[in-house]
C-alpha cells in the first residue's frame, strides 16, 4: 500500500490514480476528508501523530509525507 500522511484534499492521491495506483490518506481536516470522499479516495480521518503505526507495519510500499505549509503559503502568514 501507499500511505499519504497529511493527505489534504487529495492532490497526491489524484496523481497516483492517473498513474494507475491507489493510496490511503490520513487527514484530520473534515472538509479535506469530504473532498477526498467525493473524489473516491480512501481516507482515514485522524491526527497522524496519534494514529497507531503498527497497523501498517510491513505493508507500506510507498510513503508520501507532505506536511501542511500554511505558514509559508498565501493562505497563511507567508513567513
C-alpha atoms as a PDB file:
ATOM      1  CA  UNK A   1       0.000   0.000   0.000  1.00  0.00           C
ATOM      2  CA  UNK A   2       0.987   3.622  -0.475  1.00  0.00           C
ATOM      3  CA  UNK A   3       0.375   5.746   2.602  1.00  0.00           C
ATOM      4  CA  UNK A   4      -0.202   9.507   2.335  1.00  0.00           C
ATOM      5  CA  UNK A   5       0.294  11.400   5.599  1.00  0.00           C
ATOM      6  CA  UNK A   6      -1.203  14.900   5.750  1.00  0.00           C
ATOM      7  CA  UNK A   7      -3.308  13.905   2.720  1.00  0.00           C
ATOM      8  CA  UNK A   8      -5.220  17.176   2.390  1.00  0.00           C
ATOM      9  CA  UNK A   9      -7.893  17.316  -0.318  1.00  0.00           C
ATOM     10  CA  UNK A  10      -6.084  14.700  -2.411  1.00  0.00           C
ATOM     11  CA  UNK A  11      -3.615  16.159  -4.892  1.00  0.00           C
ATOM     12  CA  UNK A  12      -1.123  13.313  -4.486  1.00  0.00           C
ATOM     13  CA  UNK A  13      -3.954  10.779  -4.495  1.00  0.00           C
ATOM     14  CA  UNK A  14      -5.313  12.120  -7.755  1.00  0.00           C
ATOM     15  CA  UNK A  15      -1.869  11.935  -9.363  1.00  0.00           C
ATOM     16  CA  UNK A  16      -1.462   8.337  -8.206  1.00  0.00           C
ATOM     17  CA  UNK A  17      -4.866   7.453  -9.667  1.00  0.00           C
ATOM     18  CA  UNK A  18      -3.797   8.901 -13.027  1.00  0.00           C
ATOM     19  CA  UNK A  19      -0.708   6.672 -12.821  1.00  0.00           C
ATOM     20  CA  UNK A  20      -2.839   3.622 -12.027  1.00  0.00           C
ATOM     21  CA  UNK A  21      -2.045   3.383  -8.300  1.00  0.00           C
ATOM     22  CA  UNK A  22      -4.087   3.953  -5.146  1.00  0.00           C
ATOM     23  CA  UNK A  23      -3.147   5.197  -1.719  1.00  0.00           C
ATOM     24  CA  UNK A  24      -4.668   5.544   1.718  1.00  0.00           C
ATOM     25  CA  UNK A  25      -4.707   9.098   3.006  1.00  0.00           C
ATOM     26  CA  UNK A  26      -4.532  10.165   6.647  1.00  0.00           C
ATOM     27  CA  UNK A  27      -6.042  13.592   7.196  1.00  0.00           C
ATOM     28  CA  UNK A  28      -7.606  15.393  10.163  1.00  0.00           C
ATOM     29  CA  UNK A  29      -9.432  18.234   8.402  1.00  0.00           C
ATOM     30  CA  UNK A  30     -13.130  17.443   7.935  1.00  0.00           C
ATOM     31  CA  UNK A  31     -13.542  19.437   4.708  1.00  0.00           C
ATOM     32  CA  UNK A  32     -10.453  17.869   3.146  1.00  0.00           C
ATOM     33  CA  UNK A  33     -11.818  14.429   4.076  1.00  0.00           C
ATOM     34  CA  UNK A  34     -15.168  15.272   2.489  1.00  0.00           C
ATOM     35  CA  UNK A  35     -13.411  16.409  -0.687  1.00  0.00           C
ATOM     36  CA  UNK A  36     -11.408  13.182  -0.775  1.00  0.00           C
ATOM     37  CA  UNK A  37     -14.564  11.114  -0.240  1.00  0.00           C
ATOM     38  CA  UNK A  38     -16.334  12.851  -3.147  1.00  0.00           C
ATOM     39  CA  UNK A  39     -13.315  12.026  -5.333  1.00  0.00           C
ATOM     40  CA  UNK A  40     -13.498   8.364  -4.280  1.00  0.00           C
ATOM     41  CA  UNK A  41     -10.192   8.450  -2.414  1.00  0.00           C
ATOM     42  CA  UNK A  42      -9.562   6.140   0.537  1.00  0.00           C
ATOM     43  CA  UNK A  43      -9.189   8.241   3.677  1.00  0.00           C
ATOM     44  CA  UNK A  44      -8.818   7.784   7.411  1.00  0.00           C
ATOM     45  CA  UNK A  45      -9.805  10.917   9.317  1.00  0.00           C
ATOM     46  CA  UNK A  46      -7.246  11.156  12.084  1.00  0.00           C
ATOM     47  CA  UNK A  47      -4.358  13.110  13.545  1.00  0.00           C
ATOM     48  CA  UNK A  48      -1.282  11.418  12.052  1.00  0.00           C
ATOM     49  CA  UNK A  49       0.600  11.968  15.326  1.00  0.00           C
ATOM     50  CA  UNK A  50      -1.961   9.869  17.212  1.00  0.00           C
ATOM     51  CA  UNK A  51      -2.756   7.113  14.727  1.00  0.00           C
ATOM     52  CA  UNK A  52      -1.276   3.700  15.624  1.00  0.00           C
ATOM     53  CA  UNK A  53       1.525   2.952  13.153  1.00  0.00           C
ATOM     54  CA  UNK A  54       1.688  -0.777  13.909  1.00  0.00           C
ATOM     55  CA  UNK A  55      -1.389  -1.243  11.691  1.00  0.00           C
ATOM     56  CA  UNK A  56       0.764  -0.501   8.639  1.00  0.00           C
ATOM     57  CA  UNK A  57       3.846  -2.446   9.755  1.00  0.00           C
ATOM     58  CA  UNK A  58       5.312  -4.437   6.876  1.00  0.00           C
ATOM     59  CA  UNK A  59       2.581  -3.347   4.440  1.00  0.00           C
ATOM     60  CA  UNK A  60       3.752   0.070   3.239  1.00  0.00           C
ATOM     61  CA  UNK A  61       5.386   0.083  -0.181  1.00  0.00           C
ATOM     62  CA  UNK A  62       5.381   3.860  -0.577  1.00  0.00           C
ATOM     63  CA  UNK A  63       5.123   6.864   1.723  1.00  0.00           C
ATOM     64  CA  UNK A  64       4.068  10.424   0.942  1.00  0.00           C
ATOM     65  CA  UNK A  65       4.592  12.847   3.809  1.00  0.00           C
ATOM     66  CA  UNK A  66       3.883  16.423   2.751  1.00  0.00           C
ATOM     67  CA  UNK A  67       3.225  18.325   5.964  1.00  0.00           C
ATOM     68  CA  UNK A  68       0.965  21.372   5.762  1.00  0.00           C
ATOM     69  CA  UNK A  69       2.568  24.570   4.526  1.00  0.00           C
ATOM     70  CA  UNK A  70       0.037  27.143   5.721  1.00  0.00           C
ATOM     71  CA  UNK A  71       2.735  29.181   7.442  1.00  0.00           C
ATOM     72  CA  UNK A  72       4.503  29.698   4.101  1.00  0.00           C
ATOM     73  CA  UNK A  73       1.598  29.705   1.660  1.00  0.00           C
ATOM     74  CA  UNK A  74      -0.680  32.520   0.526  1.00  0.00           C
ATOM     75  CA  UNK A  75      -3.299  31.044   2.912  1.00  0.00           C
ATOM     76  CA  UNK A  76      -1.021  31.614   5.891  1.00  0.00           C
ATOM     77  CA  UNK A  77       1.322  34.256   7.253  1.00  0.00           C
ATOM     78  CA  UNK A  78       3.849  33.844   4.384  1.00  0.00           C
ATOM     79  CA  UNK A  79       6.790  33.528   6.834  1.00  0.00           C
END
